[in-house]
Amino acid sequence: MMLSEMEVLARFTRLDAQVLEHWIAAGWLKPHRRDDGFFFDDADLARTHLLCDLCYDMELKDEELTMVLSLIDQLHSTRTLLRAMTKAVHSQPEHIREAILVKVRLHLIPPE
């Protein structure tokens, strides 16, 4: 589902066009750009909802928003990497998976 900028503004009633444009200019939102304007997919809508919460409910300023969004993006990237690594490990033979688990446990459980 793709929504136009006007549809997004209608959905997020506390958000105005100027703030939305600021978020796009700051790079916090990266909707699809077309000749007839910006269009938002489900991920953009979720991020818009997050930005509304951070900006309006938590009253974070631009510098704070930049830091929080950076941390969230890093966490998301780490989660994506871990999923890929998990998939790669699961595709290995049993003895390789066991060896990996042993090594991981050695790093997670401190020696006594």
C-alpha atoms as a PDB file:
ATOM      1  CA  MET A   1       0.000   0.000   0.000  1.00  0.00           C
ATOM      2  CA  MET A   2       1.343   3.406  -0.956  1.00  0.00           C
ATOM      3  CA  LEU A   3      -0.116   6.639   0.395  1.00  0.00           C
ATOM      4  CA  SER A   4       0.362  10.120  -0.967  1.00  0.00           C
ATOM      5  CA  GLU A   5       1.620  12.949   1.205  1.00  0.00           C
ATOM      6  CA  MET A   6      -1.946  14.267   1.535  1.00  0.00           C
ATOM      7  CA  GLU A   7      -3.187  10.837   2.637  1.00  0.00           C
ATOM      8  CA  VAL A   8      -0.425  10.628   5.235  1.00  0.00           C
ATOM      9  CA  LEU A   9      -1.347  14.055   6.582  1.00  0.00           C
ATOM     10  CA  ALA A  10      -4.997  12.963   6.771  1.00  0.00           C
ATOM     11  CA  ARG A  11      -4.014   9.791   8.655  1.00  0.00           C
ATOM     12  CA  PHE A  12      -1.682  11.559  11.126  1.00  0.00           C
ATOM     13  CA  THR A  13      -3.878  14.449  12.194  1.00  0.00           C
ATOM     14  CA  ARG A  14      -1.354  16.031  14.560  1.00  0.00           C
ATOM     15  CA  LEU A  15       1.232  16.200  11.761  1.00  0.00           C
ATOM     16  CA  ASP A  16       1.338  19.170   9.410  1.00  0.00           C
ATOM     17  CA  ALA A  17       2.890  19.479   5.949  1.00  0.00           C
ATOM     18  CA  GLN A  18       5.767  21.695   7.120  1.00  0.00           C
ATOM     19  CA  VAL A  19       6.895  19.205   9.770  1.00  0.00           C
ATOM     20  CA  LEU A  20       6.556  16.292   7.344  1.00  0.00           C
ATOM     21  CA  GLU A  21       8.678  18.153   4.789  1.00  0.00           C
ATOM     22  CA  HIS A  22      11.261  18.880   7.505  1.00  0.00           C
ATOM     23  CA  TRP A  23      11.446  15.181   8.422  1.00  0.00           C
ATOM     24  CA  ILE A  24      11.969  14.288   4.759  1.00  0.00           C
ATOM     25  CA  ALA A  25      14.603  17.017   4.279  1.00  0.00           C
ATOM     26  CA  ALA A  26      16.414  15.842   7.424  1.00  0.00           C
ATOM     27  CA  GLY A  27      16.497  12.307   6.020  1.00  0.00           C
ATOM     28  CA  TRP A  28      14.473  10.865   8.882  1.00  0.00           C
ATOM     29  CA  LEU A  29      11.801   9.785   6.399  1.00  0.00           C
ATOM     30  CA  LYS A  30      12.693   8.527   2.943  1.00  0.00           C
ATOM     31  CA  PRO A  31       9.433   8.113   1.033  1.00  0.00           C
ATOM     32  CA  HIS A  32       9.384   7.241  -2.651  1.00  0.00           C
ATOM     33  CA  ARG A  33       9.735  10.332  -4.833  1.00  0.00           C
ATOM     34  CA  ARG A  34       7.593  10.547  -7.969  1.00  0.00           C
ATOM     35  CA  ASP A  35       6.814  13.344 -10.385  1.00  0.00           C
ATOM     36  CA  ASP A  36       3.518  13.919  -8.562  1.00  0.00           C
ATOM     37  CA  GLY A  37       5.024  14.004  -5.047  1.00  0.00           C
ATOM     38  CA  PHE A  38       6.098  11.726  -2.235  1.00  0.00           C
ATOM     39  CA  PHE A  39       4.539   8.334  -1.634  1.00  0.00           C
ATOM     40  CA  PHE A  40       4.798   6.382   1.600  1.00  0.00           C
ATOM     41  CA  ASP A  41       4.901   2.593   1.999  1.00  0.00           C
ATOM     42  CA  ASP A  42       4.152   0.623   5.178  1.00  0.00           C
ATOM     43  CA  ALA A  43       7.696   1.099   6.527  1.00  0.00           C
ATOM     44  CA  ASP A  44       7.441   4.864   5.948  1.00  0.00           C
ATOM     45  CA  LEU A  45       4.116   4.930   7.775  1.00  0.00           C
ATOM     46  CA  ALA A  46       5.575   3.037  10.737  1.00  0.00           C
ATOM     47  CA  ARG A  47       8.509   5.465  10.842  1.00  0.00           C
ATOM     48  CA  THR A  48       6.107   8.425  10.634  1.00  0.00           C
ATOM     49  CA  HIS A  49       4.191   7.004  13.593  1.00  0.00           C
ATOM     50  CA  LEU A  50       7.478   6.604  15.512  1.00  0.00           C
ATOM     51  CA  LEU A  51       8.516  10.164  14.674  1.00  0.00           C
ATOM     52  CA  CYS A  52       5.151  11.493  15.852  1.00  0.00           C
ATOM     53  CA  ASP A  53       5.587   9.653  19.149  1.00  0.00           C
ATOM     54  CA  LEU A  54       9.149  10.871  19.613  1.00  0.00           C
ATOM     55  CA  CYS A  55       8.422  14.442  18.554  1.00  0.00           C
ATOM     56  CA  TYR A  56       4.987  15.090  20.013  1.00  0.00           C
ATOM     57  CA  ASP A  57       4.679  12.689  22.943  1.00  0.00           C
ATOM     58  CA  MET A  58       8.294  12.633  24.111  1.00  0.00           C
ATOM     59  CA  GLU A  59       9.028  16.191  22.884  1.00  0.00           C
ATOM     60  CA  LEU A  60      12.455  15.306  21.461  1.00  0.00           C
ATOM     61  CA  LYS A  61      14.236  18.062  19.580  1.00  0.00           C
ATOM     62  CA  ASP A  62      16.061  17.658  16.253  1.00  0.00           C
ATOM     63  CA  GLU A  63      19.443  16.753  17.747  1.00  0.00           C
ATOM     64  CA  GLU A  64      17.856  14.173  20.037  1.00  0.00           C
ATOM     65  CA  LEU A  65      15.727  12.768  17.212  1.00  0.00           C
ATOM     66  CA  THR A  66      18.839  12.356  15.063  1.00  0.00           C
ATOM     67  CA  MET A  67      20.576  10.395  17.821  1.00  0.00           C
ATOM     68  CA  VAL A  68      17.570   8.201  18.682  1.00  0.00           C
ATOM     69  CA  LEU A  69      16.826   7.407  15.032  1.00  0.00           C
ATOM     70  CA  SER A  70      20.481   6.573  14.425  1.00  0.00           C
ATOM     71  CA  LEU A  71      20.431   4.113  17.322  1.00  0.00           C
ATOM     72  CA  ILE A  72      17.159   2.567  16.128  1.00  0.00           C
ATOM     73  CA  ASP A  73      18.563   2.205  12.610  1.00  0.00           C
ATOM     74  CA  GLN A  74      21.731   0.584  13.973  1.00  0.00           C
ATOM     75  CA  LEU A  75      19.637  -1.838  16.004  1.00  0.00           C
ATOM     76  CA  HIS A  76      17.547  -2.680  12.950  1.00  0.00           C
ATOM     77  CA  SER A  77      20.699  -3.305  10.882  1.00  0.00           C
ATOM     78  CA  THR A  78      22.109  -5.517  13.629  1.00  0.00           C
ATOM     79  CA  ARG A  79      18.869  -7.490  13.765  1.00  0.00           C
ATOM     80  CA  THR A  80      18.970  -7.980   9.982  1.00  0.00           C
ATOM     81  CA  LEU A  81      22.577  -9.169  10.190  1.00  0.00           C
ATOM     82  CA  LEU A  82      21.772 -11.577  13.031  1.00  0.00           C
ATOM     83  CA  ARG A  83      18.892 -13.054  11.041  1.00  0.00           C
ATOM     84  CA  ALA A  84      21.212 -13.623   8.070  1.00  0.00           C
ATOM     85  CA  MET A  85      23.855 -15.182  10.312  1.00  0.00           C
ATOM     86  CA  THR A  86      21.269 -17.426  11.957  1.00  0.00           C
ATOM     87  CA  LYS A  87      20.055 -18.577   8.560  1.00  0.00           C
ATOM     88  CA  ALA A  88      23.641 -19.273   7.474  1.00  0.00           C
ATOM     89  CA  VAL A  89      24.393 -21.249  10.650  1.00  0.00           C
ATOM     90  CA  HIS A  90      21.194 -23.306  10.290  1.00  0.00           C
ATOM     91  CA  SER A  91      22.223 -24.261   6.765  1.00  0.00           C
ATOM     92  CA  GLN A  92      25.427 -25.878   8.055  1.00  0.00           C
ATOM     93  CA  PRO A  93      25.848 -29.542   8.972  1.00  0.00           C
ATOM     94  CA  GLU A  94      25.012 -30.493  12.560  1.00  0.00           C
ATOM     95  CA  HIS A  95      28.645 -30.774  13.720  1.00  0.00           C
ATOM     96  CA  ILE A  96      29.410 -27.267  12.422  1.00  0.00           C
ATOM     97  CA  ARG A  97      26.326 -25.835  14.169  1.00  0.00           C
ATOM     98  CA  GLU A  98      27.381 -27.492  17.425  1.00  0.00           C
ATOM     99  CA  ALA A  99      30.921 -26.096  17.125  1.00  0.00           C
ATOM    100  CA  ILE A 100      29.528 -22.614  16.561  1.00  0.00           C
ATOM    101  CA  LEU A 101      27.257 -22.915  19.615  1.00  0.00           C
ATOM    102  CA  VAL A 102      30.200 -23.979  21.765  1.00  0.00           C
ATOM    103  CA  LYS A 103      32.186 -20.910  20.653  1.00  0.00           C
ATOM    104  CA  VAL A 104      29.227 -18.593  21.218  1.00  0.00           C
ATOM    105  CA  ARG A 105      28.629 -19.957  24.706  1.00  0.00           C
ATOM    106  CA  LEU A 106      32.295 -19.411  25.557  1.00  0.00           C
ATOM    107  CA  HIS A 107      31.855 -15.712  24.742  1.00  0.00           C
ATOM    108  CA  LEU A 108      28.544 -15.352  26.560  1.00  0.00           C
ATOM    109  CA  ILE A 109      29.333 -17.175  29.776  1.00  0.00           C
ATOM    110  CA  PRO A 110      32.250 -15.626  31.654  1.00  0.00           C
ATOM    111  CA  PRO A 111      34.749 -18.083  33.163  1.00  0.00           C
ATOM    112  CA  GLU A 112      34.529 -18.522  36.938  1.00  0.00           C
END
